[in-house]
Amino acid sequence: MKKAYVVAEVAIDDVENYAQQYSKYTLPTFEPYGGRVLTRGGLREQLEGEDEQHHAGLRTVIVEFPSLQQARDWYNSDAYTRLREIRQQYSTGRFFIIEGA
């Protein structure tokens, strides 16, 4: 079975509320689906393609899941759906799933 990776690139509009209402609650939502954080908000160095939508100031998160289905199940879970609504209130960004090789 191929692993899958959820990748998020997020521009945070309200740092305080994002941290207090979203970030501190996301880690436990990964566990039931075998999710493992590979990177979460570390330094991002944009090497190519910098523009208004893609820039070094984005928060980048990569989470590894055992399978594409488990990544989908996490994203659509009740626990994450509630948090997703909060994230969307305080940030804008892109989320996608990539199947591993």
PDB file of N, CA and C in Angstrom:
ATOM      1  N   MET A   1       0.844  -1.176   0.000  1.00  0.00           N
ATOM      2  CA  MET A   1       0.000   0.000   0.000  1.00  0.00           C
ATOM      3  C   MET A   1       0.894   1.246   0.000  1.00  0.00           C
ATOM      4  N   LYS A   2       0.563   2.190  -0.866  1.00  0.00           N
ATOM      5  CA  LYS A   2       1.338   3.429  -0.954  1.00  0.00           C
ATOM      6  C   LYS A   2       0.918   4.404   0.129  1.00  0.00           C
ATOM      7  N   LYS A   3       1.899   5.097   0.681  1.00  0.00           N
ATOM      8  CA  LYS A   3       1.610   6.143   1.651  1.00  0.00           C
ATOM      9  C   LYS A   3       1.028   7.346   0.921  1.00  0.00           C
ATOM     10  N   ALA A   4       0.434   8.246   1.684  1.00  0.00           N
ATOM     11  CA  ALA A   4      -0.124   9.478   1.129  1.00  0.00           C
ATOM     12  C   ALA A   4       0.293  10.639   2.013  1.00  0.00           C
ATOM     13  N   TYR A   5       0.356  11.802   1.399  1.00  0.00           N
ATOM     14  CA  TYR A   5       0.819  12.993   2.104  1.00  0.00           C
ATOM     15  C   TYR A   5      -0.190  14.117   1.923  1.00  0.00           C
ATOM     16  N   VAL A   6      -0.650  14.651   3.037  1.00  0.00           N
ATOM     17  CA  VAL A   6      -1.480  15.851   2.992  1.00  0.00           C
ATOM     18  C   VAL A   6      -0.524  17.023   3.071  1.00  0.00           C
ATOM     19  N   VAL A   7      -0.642  17.918   2.113  1.00  0.00           N
ATOM     20  CA  VAL A   7       0.215  19.092   2.054  1.00  0.00           C
ATOM     21  C   VAL A   7      -0.684  20.323   2.152  1.00  0.00           C
ATOM     22  N   ALA A   8      -0.306  21.228   3.029  1.00  0.00           N
ATOM     23  CA  ALA A   8      -1.056  22.471   3.197  1.00  0.00           C
ATOM     24  C   ALA A   8      -0.104  23.646   3.069  1.00  0.00           C
ATOM     25  N   GLU A   9      -0.552  24.661   2.355  1.00  0.00           N
ATOM     26  CA  GLU A   9       0.151  25.939   2.271  1.00  0.00           C
ATOM     27  C   GLU A   9      -0.849  26.991   2.721  1.00  0.00           C
ATOM     28  N   VAL A  10      -0.545  27.663   3.807  1.00  0.00           N
ATOM     29  CA  VAL A  10      -1.536  28.522   4.451  1.00  0.00           C
ATOM     30  C   VAL A  10      -0.976  29.911   4.720  1.00  0.00           C
ATOM     31  N   ALA A  11      -1.767  30.911   4.382  1.00  0.00           N
ATOM     32  CA  ALA A  11      -1.474  32.295   4.773  1.00  0.00           C
ATOM     33  C   ALA A  11      -2.409  32.616   5.935  1.00  0.00           C
ATOM     34  N   ILE A  12      -1.840  32.891   7.080  1.00  0.00           N
ATOM     35  CA  ILE A  12      -2.633  33.113   8.291  1.00  0.00           C
ATOM     36  C   ILE A  12      -2.997  34.595   8.385  1.00  0.00           C
ATOM     37  N   ASP A  13      -4.287  34.857   8.512  1.00  0.00           N
ATOM     38  CA  ASP A  13      -4.786  36.223   8.618  1.00  0.00           C
ATOM     39  C   ASP A  13      -4.870  36.708  10.063  1.00  0.00           C
ATOM     40  N   ASP A  14      -5.129  35.800  10.990  1.00  0.00           N
ATOM     41  CA  ASP A  14      -5.265  36.128  12.413  1.00  0.00           C
ATOM     42  C   ASP A  14      -4.444  35.104  13.195  1.00  0.00           C
ATOM     43  N   VAL A  15      -3.180  35.431  13.446  1.00  0.00           N
ATOM     44  CA  VAL A  15      -2.229  34.488  14.049  1.00  0.00           C
ATOM     45  C   VAL A  15      -2.679  34.012  15.422  1.00  0.00           C
ATOM     46  N   GLU A  16      -3.147  34.912  16.246  1.00  0.00           N
ATOM     47  CA  GLU A  16      -3.525  34.549  17.622  1.00  0.00           C
ATOM     48  C   GLU A  16      -4.688  33.557  17.640  1.00  0.00           C
ATOM     49  N   ASN A  17      -5.763  33.869  16.944  1.00  0.00           N
ATOM     50  CA  ASN A  17      -6.908  32.959  16.934  1.00  0.00           C
ATOM     51  C   ASN A  17      -6.598  31.662  16.213  1.00  0.00           C
ATOM     52  N   TYR A  18      -5.799  31.714  15.167  1.00  0.00           N
ATOM     53  CA  TYR A  18      -5.389  30.506  14.444  1.00  0.00           C
ATOM     54  C   TYR A  18      -4.654  29.560  15.399  1.00  0.00           C
ATOM     55  N   ALA A  19      -3.727  30.110  16.155  1.00  0.00           N
ATOM     56  CA  ALA A  19      -2.950  29.293  17.092  1.00  0.00           C
ATOM     57  C   ALA A  19      -3.814  28.744  18.223  1.00  0.00           C
ATOM     58  N   GLN A  20      -4.652  29.579  18.807  1.00  0.00           N
ATOM     59  CA  GLN A  20      -5.431  29.191  19.977  1.00  0.00           C
ATOM     60  C   GLN A  20      -6.630  28.300  19.662  1.00  0.00           C
ATOM     61  N   GLN A  21      -7.229  28.484  18.503  1.00  0.00           N
ATOM     62  CA  GLN A  21      -8.449  27.746  18.198  1.00  0.00           C
ATOM     63  C   GLN A  21      -8.259  26.610  17.198  1.00  0.00           C
ATOM     64  N   TYR A  22      -7.125  26.621  16.472  1.00  0.00           N
ATOM     65  CA  TYR A  22      -6.912  25.601  15.447  1.00  0.00           C
ATOM     66  C   TYR A  22      -5.638  24.782  15.699  1.00  0.00           C
ATOM     67  N   SER A  23      -4.492  25.428  15.643  1.00  0.00           N
ATOM     68  CA  SER A  23      -3.207  24.703  15.669  1.00  0.00           C
ATOM     69  C   SER A  23      -3.056  23.770  16.860  1.00  0.00           C
ATOM     70  N   LYS A  24      -3.420  24.227  18.018  1.00  0.00           N
ATOM     71  CA  LYS A  24      -3.158  23.406  19.199  1.00  0.00           C
ATOM     72  C   LYS A  24      -4.074  22.182  19.311  1.00  0.00           C
ATOM     73  N   TYR A  25      -5.091  22.093  18.450  1.00  0.00           N
ATOM     74  CA  TYR A  25      -6.020  20.973  18.502  1.00  0.00           C
ATOM     75  C   TYR A  25      -5.882  19.983  17.341  1.00  0.00           C
ATOM     76  N   THR A  26      -5.033  20.286  16.364  1.00  0.00           N
ATOM     77  CA  THR A  26      -4.983  19.425  15.181  1.00  0.00           C
ATOM     78  C   THR A  26      -4.225  18.111  15.388  1.00  0.00           C
ATOM     79  N   LEU A  27      -3.142  18.121  16.148  1.00  0.00           N
ATOM     80  CA  LEU A  27      -2.330  16.911  16.285  1.00  0.00           C
ATOM     81  C   LEU A  27      -3.120  15.669  16.704  1.00  0.00           C
ATOM     82  N   PRO A  28      -3.983  15.744  17.706  1.00  0.00           N
ATOM     83  CA  PRO A  28      -4.730  14.538  18.095  1.00  0.00           C
ATOM     84  C   PRO A  28      -5.661  13.999  17.006  1.00  0.00           C
ATOM     85  N   THR A  29      -6.052  14.835  16.045  1.00  0.00           N
ATOM     86  CA  THR A  29      -6.951  14.353  14.996  1.00  0.00           C
ATOM     87  C   THR A  29      -6.244  13.412  14.029  1.00  0.00           C
ATOM     88  N   PHE A  30      -4.919  13.479  13.947  1.00  0.00           N
ATOM     89  CA  PHE A  30      -4.174  12.615  13.026  1.00  0.00           C
ATOM     90  C   PHE A  30      -4.073  11.178  13.531  1.00  0.00           C
ATOM     91  N   GLU A  31      -3.971  11.005  14.837  1.00  0.00           N
ATOM     92  CA  GLU A  31      -3.661   9.709  15.437  1.00  0.00           C
ATOM     93  C   GLU A  31      -4.591   8.568  15.017  1.00  0.00           C
ATOM     94  N   PRO A  32      -5.916   8.742  15.024  1.00  0.00           N
ATOM     95  CA  PRO A  32      -6.786   7.621  14.645  1.00  0.00           C
ATOM     96  C   PRO A  32      -6.610   7.162  13.196  1.00  0.00           C
ATOM     97  N   TYR A  33      -5.979   7.977  12.374  1.00  0.00           N
ATOM     98  CA  TYR A  33      -5.806   7.664  10.951  1.00  0.00           C
ATOM     99  C   TYR A  33      -4.350   7.364  10.599  1.00  0.00           C
ATOM    100  N   GLY A  34      -3.516   7.217  11.615  1.00  0.00           N
ATOM    101  CA  GLY A  34      -2.118   6.885  11.402  1.00  0.00           C
ATOM    102  C   GLY A  34      -1.291   8.033  10.852  1.00  0.00           C
ATOM    103  N   GLY A  35      -1.791   9.258  10.993  1.00  0.00           N
ATOM    104  CA  GLY A  35      -1.085  10.421  10.476  1.00  0.00           C
ATOM    105  C   GLY A  35       0.135  10.776  11.302  1.00  0.00           C
ATOM    106  N   ARG A  36       1.183  11.201  10.614  1.00  0.00           N
ATOM    107  CA  ARG A  36       2.437  11.585  11.270  1.00  0.00           C
ATOM    108  C   ARG A  36       2.926  12.876  10.639  1.00  0.00           C
ATOM    109  N   VAL A  37       3.115  13.902  11.452  1.00  0.00           N
ATOM    110  CA  VAL A  37       3.559  15.199  10.952  1.00  0.00           C
ATOM    111  C   VAL A  37       5.024  15.114  10.546  1.00  0.00           C
ATOM    112  N   LEU A  38       5.304  15.499   9.308  1.00  0.00           N
ATOM    113  CA  LEU A  38       6.686  15.560   8.832  1.00  0.00           C
ATOM    114  C   LEU A  38       7.253  16.962   8.981  1.00  0.00           C
ATOM    115  N   THR A  39       6.441  17.949   8.734  1.00  0.00           N
ATOM    116  CA  THR A  39       6.834  19.340   8.974  1.00  0.00           C
ATOM    117  C   THR A  39       5.573  20.149   9.245  1.00  0.00           C
ATOM    118  N   ARG A  40       5.732  21.145  10.109  1.00  0.00           N
ATOM    119  CA  ARG A  40       4.570  21.929  10.514  1.00  0.00           C
ATOM    120  C   ARG A  40       5.025  23.345  10.848  1.00  0.00           C
ATOM    121  N   GLY A  41       5.014  24.199   9.831  1.00  0.00           N
ATOM    122  CA  GLY A  41       5.289  25.605  10.070  1.00  0.00           C
ATOM    123  C   GLY A  41       6.741  25.982  10.223  1.00  0.00           C
ATOM    124  N   GLY A  42       7.661  25.135   9.802  1.00  0.00           N
ATOM    125  CA  GLY A  42       9.071  25.485   9.868  1.00  0.00           C
ATOM    126  C   GLY A  42       9.438  26.506   8.802  1.00  0.00           C
ATOM    127  N   LEU A  43      10.680  26.909   8.810  1.00  0.00           N
ATOM    128  CA  LEU A  43      11.174  27.872   7.841  1.00  0.00           C
ATOM    129  C   LEU A  43      10.903  27.381   6.426  1.00  0.00           C
ATOM    130  N   ARG A  44      10.352  28.241   5.595  1.00  0.00           N
ATOM    131  CA  ARG A  44      10.063  27.917   4.199  1.00  0.00           C
ATOM    132  C   ARG A  44      10.898  28.826   3.321  1.00  0.00           C
ATOM    133  N   GLU A  45      11.678  28.240   2.460  1.00  0.00           N
ATOM    134  CA  GLU A  45      12.493  28.999   1.526  1.00  0.00           C
ATOM    135  C   GLU A  45      11.951  28.749   0.123  1.00  0.00           C
ATOM    136  N   GLN A  46      11.343  29.753  -0.458  1.00  0.00           N
ATOM    137  CA  GLN A  46      10.758  29.636  -1.797  1.00  0.00           C
ATOM    138  C   GLN A  46      11.875  29.713  -2.829  1.00  0.00           C
ATOM    139  N   LEU A  47      12.080  28.644  -3.587  1.00  0.00           N
ATOM    140  CA  LEU A  47      13.171  28.592  -4.560  1.00  0.00           C
ATOM    141  C   LEU A  47      12.740  29.037  -5.953  1.00  0.00           C
ATOM    142  N   GLU A  48      11.521  28.728  -6.333  1.00  0.00           N
ATOM    143  CA  GLU A  48      11.010  29.116  -7.647  1.00  0.00           C
ATOM    144  C   GLU A  48       9.528  29.419  -7.533  1.00  0.00           C
ATOM    145  N   GLY A  49       9.030  30.206  -8.456  1.00  0.00           N
ATOM    146  CA  GLY A  49       7.597  30.438  -8.570  1.00  0.00           C
ATOM    147  C   GLY A  49       7.004  31.365  -7.536  1.00  0.00           C
ATOM    148  N   GLU A  50       7.798  32.242  -6.967  1.00  0.00           N
ATOM    149  CA  GLU A  50       7.243  33.147  -5.959  1.00  0.00           C
ATOM    150  C   GLU A  50       6.337  34.179  -6.614  1.00  0.00           C
ATOM    151  N   ASP A  51       5.142  34.303  -6.069  1.00  0.00           N
ATOM    152  CA  ASP A  51       4.175  35.307  -6.508  1.00  0.00           C
ATOM    153  C   ASP A  51       3.253  35.587  -5.331  1.00  0.00           C
ATOM    154  N   GLU A  52       2.160  36.295  -5.560  1.00  0.00           N
ATOM    155  CA  GLU A  52       1.266  36.649  -4.450  1.00  0.00           C
ATOM    156  C   GLU A  52       0.682  35.424  -3.762  1.00  0.00           C
ATOM    157  N   GLN A  53       0.458  34.347  -4.497  1.00  0.00           N
ATOM    158  CA  GLN A  53      -0.145  33.152  -3.911  1.00  0.00           C
ATOM    159  C   GLN A  53       0.880  32.167  -3.368  1.00  0.00           C
ATOM    160  N   HIS A  54       2.095  32.207  -3.858  1.00  0.00           N
ATOM    161  CA  HIS A  54       3.124  31.250  -3.456  1.00  0.00           C
ATOM    162  C   HIS A  54       4.360  32.021  -3.046  1.00  0.00           C
ATOM    163  N   HIS A  55       4.609  32.075  -1.740  1.00  0.00           N
ATOM    164  CA  HIS A  55       5.706  32.895  -1.241  1.00  0.00           C
ATOM    165  C   HIS A  55       6.273  32.311   0.047  1.00  0.00           C
ATOM    166  N   ALA A  56       7.429  32.811   0.448  1.00  0.00           N
ATOM    167  CA  ALA A  56       8.147  32.289   1.604  1.00  0.00           C
ATOM    168  C   ALA A  56       7.384  32.484   2.910  1.00  0.00           C
ATOM    169  N   GLY A  57       6.412  33.384   2.959  1.00  0.00           N
ATOM    170  CA  GLY A  57       5.672  33.629   4.194  1.00  0.00           C
ATOM    171  C   GLY A  57       4.568  32.631   4.481  1.00  0.00           C
ATOM    172  N   LEU A  58       4.319  31.705   3.585  1.00  0.00           N
ATOM    173  CA  LEU A  58       3.275  30.709   3.816  1.00  0.00           C
ATOM    174  C   LEU A  58       3.691  29.717   4.894  1.00  0.00           C
ATOM    175  N   ARG A  59       2.727  29.271   5.661  1.00  0.00           N
ATOM    176  CA  ARG A  59       2.958  28.176   6.622  1.00  0.00           C
ATOM    177  C   ARG A  59       2.730  26.886   5.845  1.00  0.00           C
ATOM    178  N   THR A  60       3.716  26.013   5.863  1.00  0.00           N
ATOM    179  CA  THR A  60       3.615  24.752   5.133  1.00  0.00           C
ATOM    180  C   THR A  60       3.561  23.597   6.121  1.00  0.00           C
ATOM    181  N   VAL A  61       2.622  22.688   5.873  1.00  0.00           N
ATOM    182  CA  VAL A  61       2.454  21.514   6.718  1.00  0.00           C
ATOM    183  C   VAL A  61       2.424  20.288   5.802  1.00  0.00           C
ATOM    184  N   ILE A  62       3.158  19.239   6.190  1.00  0.00           N
ATOM    185  CA  ILE A  62       3.109  17.969   5.467  1.00  0.00           C
ATOM    186  C   ILE A  62       2.869  16.877   6.501  1.00  0.00           C
ATOM    187  N   VAL A  63       1.803  16.104   6.266  1.00  0.00           N
ATOM    188  CA  VAL A  63       1.454  15.004   7.165  1.00  0.00           C
ATOM    189  C   VAL A  63       1.416  13.716   6.356  1.00  0.00           C
ATOM    190  N   GLU A  64       2.120  12.707   6.830  1.00  0.00           N
ATOM    191  CA  GLU A  64       2.160  11.405   6.164  1.00  0.00           C
ATOM    192  C   GLU A  64       1.074  10.503   6.746  1.00  0.00           C
ATOM    193  N   PHE A  65       0.361   9.806   5.854  1.00  0.00           N
ATOM    194  CA  PHE A  65      -0.652   8.836   6.259  1.00  0.00           C
ATOM    195  C   PHE A  65      -0.311   7.484   5.630  1.00  0.00           C
ATOM    196  N   PRO A  66      -0.741   6.383   6.240  1.00  0.00           N
ATOM    197  CA  PRO A  66      -0.438   5.060   5.689  1.00  0.00           C
ATOM    198  C   PRO A  66      -1.025   4.821   4.294  1.00  0.00           C
ATOM    199  N   SER A  67      -2.117   5.525   3.951  1.00  0.00           N
ATOM    200  CA  SER A  67      -2.751   5.322   2.646  1.00  0.00           C
ATOM    201  C   SER A  67      -3.528   6.570   2.242  1.00  0.00           C
ATOM    202  N   LEU A  68      -3.860   6.616   0.976  1.00  0.00           N
ATOM    203  CA  LEU A  68      -4.682   7.695   0.444  1.00  0.00           C
ATOM    204  C   LEU A  68      -6.044   7.720   1.139  1.00  0.00           C
ATOM    205  N   GLN A  69      -6.622   6.546   1.357  1.00  0.00           N
ATOM    206  CA  GLN A  69      -7.937   6.484   2.001  1.00  0.00           C
ATOM    207  C   GLN A  69      -7.882   7.006   3.433  1.00  0.00           C
ATOM    208  N   GLN A  70      -6.837   6.683   4.166  1.00  0.00           N
ATOM    209  CA  GLN A  70      -6.744   7.179   5.540  1.00  0.00           C
ATOM    210  C   GLN A  70      -6.561   8.694   5.568  1.00  0.00           C
ATOM    211  N   ALA A  71      -5.851   9.245   4.595  1.00  0.00           N
ATOM    212  CA  ALA A  71      -5.719  10.698   4.504  1.00  0.00           C
ATOM    213  C   ALA A  71      -7.074  11.338   4.217  1.00  0.00           C
ATOM    214  N   ARG A  72      -7.824  10.754   3.299  1.00  0.00           N
ATOM    215  CA  ARG A  72      -9.178  11.261   2.993  1.00  0.00           C
ATOM    216  C   ARG A  72     -10.084  11.156   4.218  1.00  0.00           C
ATOM    217  N   ASP A  73     -10.007  10.004   4.898  1.00  0.00           N
ATOM    218  CA  ASP A  73     -10.862   9.796   6.076  1.00  0.00           C
ATOM    219  C   ASP A  73     -10.553  10.824   7.155  1.00  0.00           C
ATOM    220  N   TRP A  74      -9.266  11.123   7.360  1.00  0.00           N
ATOM    221  CA  TRP A  74      -8.908  12.160   8.336  1.00  0.00           C
ATOM    222  C   TRP A  74      -9.507  13.504   7.929  1.00  0.00           C
ATOM    223  N   TYR A  75      -9.299  13.906   6.674  1.00  0.00           N
ATOM    224  CA  TYR A  75      -9.761  15.220   6.208  1.00  0.00           C
ATOM    225  C   TYR A  75     -11.274  15.358   6.353  1.00  0.00           C
ATOM    226  N   ASN A  76     -11.997  14.280   6.146  1.00  0.00           N
ATOM    227  CA  ASN A  76     -13.458  14.312   6.217  1.00  0.00           C
ATOM    228  C   ASN A  76     -14.015  13.899   7.574  1.00  0.00           C
ATOM    229  N   SER A  77     -13.141  13.638   8.540  1.00  0.00           N
ATOM    230  CA  SER A  77     -13.601  13.208   9.866  1.00  0.00           C
ATOM    231  C   SER A  77     -14.354  14.334  10.573  1.00  0.00           C
ATOM    232  N   ASP A  78     -15.214  13.947  11.497  1.00  0.00           N
ATOM    233  CA  ASP A  78     -15.951  14.945  12.284  1.00  0.00           C
ATOM    234  C   ASP A  78     -14.999  15.858  13.039  1.00  0.00           C
ATOM    235  N   ALA A  79     -13.967  15.267  13.633  1.00  0.00           N
ATOM    236  CA  ALA A  79     -13.024  16.067  14.423  1.00  0.00           C
ATOM    237  C   ALA A  79     -12.329  17.108  13.558  1.00  0.00           C
ATOM    238  N   TYR A  80     -11.863  16.713  12.365  1.00  0.00           N
ATOM    239  CA  TYR A  80     -11.164  17.697  11.547  1.00  0.00           C
ATOM    240  C   TYR A  80     -12.110  18.645  10.832  1.00  0.00           C
ATOM    241  N   THR A  81     -13.297  18.205  10.500  1.00  0.00           N
ATOM    242  CA  THR A  81     -14.254  19.094   9.830  1.00  0.00           C
ATOM    243  C   THR A  81     -14.525  20.325  10.687  1.00  0.00           C
ATOM    244  N   ARG A  82     -14.682  20.123  11.984  1.00  0.00           N
ATOM    245  CA  ARG A  82     -14.905  21.267  12.888  1.00  0.00           C
ATOM    246  C   ARG A  82     -13.689  22.196  12.894  1.00  0.00           C
ATOM    247  N   LEU A  83     -12.503  21.610  12.940  1.00  0.00           N
ATOM    248  CA  LEU A  83     -11.283  22.424  12.933  1.00  0.00           C
ATOM    249  C   LEU A  83     -11.069  23.097  11.581  1.00  0.00           C
ATOM    250  N   ARG A  84     -11.412  22.428  10.504  1.00  0.00           N
ATOM    251  CA  ARG A  84     -11.261  23.008   9.172  1.00  0.00           C
ATOM    252  C   ARG A  84     -12.063  24.308   9.050  1.00  0.00           C
ATOM    253  N   GLU A  85     -13.260  24.313   9.599  1.00  0.00           N
ATOM    254  CA  GLU A  85     -14.093  25.524   9.576  1.00  0.00           C
ATOM    255  C   GLU A  85     -13.420  26.665  10.327  1.00  0.00           C
ATOM    256  N   ILE A  86     -12.773  26.360  11.438  1.00  0.00           N
ATOM    257  CA  ILE A  86     -12.040  27.375  12.192  1.00  0.00           C
ATOM    258  C   ILE A  86     -10.841  27.862  11.389  1.00  0.00           C
ATOM    259  N   ARG A  87     -10.078  26.929  10.809  1.00  0.00           N
ATOM    260  CA  ARG A  87      -8.918  27.312   9.991  1.00  0.00           C
ATOM    261  C   ARG A  87      -9.331  28.241   8.862  1.00  0.00           C
ATOM    262  N   GLN A  88     -10.399  27.935   8.202  1.00  0.00           N
ATOM    263  CA  GLN A  88     -10.853  28.746   7.079  1.00  0.00           C
ATOM    264  C   GLN A  88     -11.312  30.135   7.516  1.00  0.00           C
ATOM    265  N   GLN A  89     -11.715  30.260   8.760  1.00  0.00           N
ATOM    266  CA  GLN A  89     -12.125  31.558   9.298  1.00  0.00           C
ATOM    267  C   GLN A  89     -10.921  32.479   9.496  1.00  0.00           C
ATOM    268  N   TYR A  90      -9.748  31.917   9.839  1.00  0.00           N
ATOM    269  CA  TYR A  90      -8.587  32.725  10.199  1.00  0.00           C
ATOM    270  C   TYR A  90      -7.427  32.655   9.208  1.00  0.00           C
ATOM    271  N   SER A  91      -7.625  31.957   8.081  1.00  0.00           N
ATOM    272  CA  SER A  91      -6.541  31.818   7.107  1.00  0.00           C
ATOM    273  C   SER A  91      -7.111  31.510   5.727  1.00  0.00           C
ATOM    274  N   THR A  92      -6.232  31.592   4.740  1.00  0.00           N
ATOM    275  CA  THR A  92      -6.556  31.130   3.398  1.00  0.00           C
ATOM    276  C   THR A  92      -5.415  30.233   2.941  1.00  0.00           C
ATOM    277  N   GLY A  93      -5.720  29.295   2.095  1.00  0.00           N
ATOM    278  CA  GLY A  93      -4.642  28.429   1.654  1.00  0.00           C
ATOM    279  C   GLY A  93      -5.101  27.334   0.733  1.00  0.00           C
ATOM    280  N   ARG A  94      -4.176  26.399   0.515  1.00  0.00           N
ATOM    281  CA  ARG A  94      -4.426  25.251  -0.347  1.00  0.00           C
ATOM    282  C   ARG A  94      -4.097  23.985   0.422  1.00  0.00           C
ATOM    283  N   PHE A  95      -4.952  22.985   0.285  1.00  0.00           N
ATOM    284  CA  PHE A  95      -4.737  21.654   0.862  1.00  0.00           C
ATOM    285  C   PHE A  95      -4.830  20.654  -0.271  1.00  0.00           C
ATOM    286  N   PHE A  96      -3.931  19.683  -0.284  1.00  0.00           N
ATOM    287  CA  PHE A  96      -4.048  18.613  -1.276  1.00  0.00           C
ATOM    288  C   PHE A  96      -3.403  17.353  -0.732  1.00  0.00           C
ATOM    289  N   ILE A  97      -3.771  16.229  -1.348  1.00  0.00           N
ATOM    290  CA  ILE A  97      -3.223  14.922  -0.985  1.00  0.00           C
ATOM    291  C   ILE A  97      -2.385  14.436  -2.162  1.00  0.00           C
ATOM    292  N   ILE A  98      -1.204  13.917  -1.846  1.00  0.00           N
ATOM    293  CA  ILE A  98      -0.318  13.348  -2.863  1.00  0.00           C
ATOM    294  C   ILE A  98      -0.075  11.891  -2.486  1.00  0.00           C
ATOM    295  N   GLU A  99      -0.278  11.000  -3.441  1.00  0.00           N
ATOM    296  CA  GLU A  99       0.025   9.604  -3.197  1.00  0.00           C
ATOM    297  C   GLU A  99       1.519   9.384  -3.345  1.00  0.00           C
ATOM    298  N   GLY A 100       2.107   8.638  -2.427  1.00  0.00           N
ATOM    299  CA  GLY A 100       3.535   8.375  -2.457  1.00  0.00           C
ATOM    300  C   GLY A 100       3.927   7.410  -3.556  1.00  0.00           C
ATOM    301  N   ALA A 101       5.213   7.386  -3.834  1.00  0.00           N
ATOM    302  CA  ALA A 101       5.735   6.494  -4.880  1.00  0.00           C
ATOM    303  C   ALA A 101       5.943   5.098  -4.344  1.00  0.00           C
TER     304      ALA A 101
END
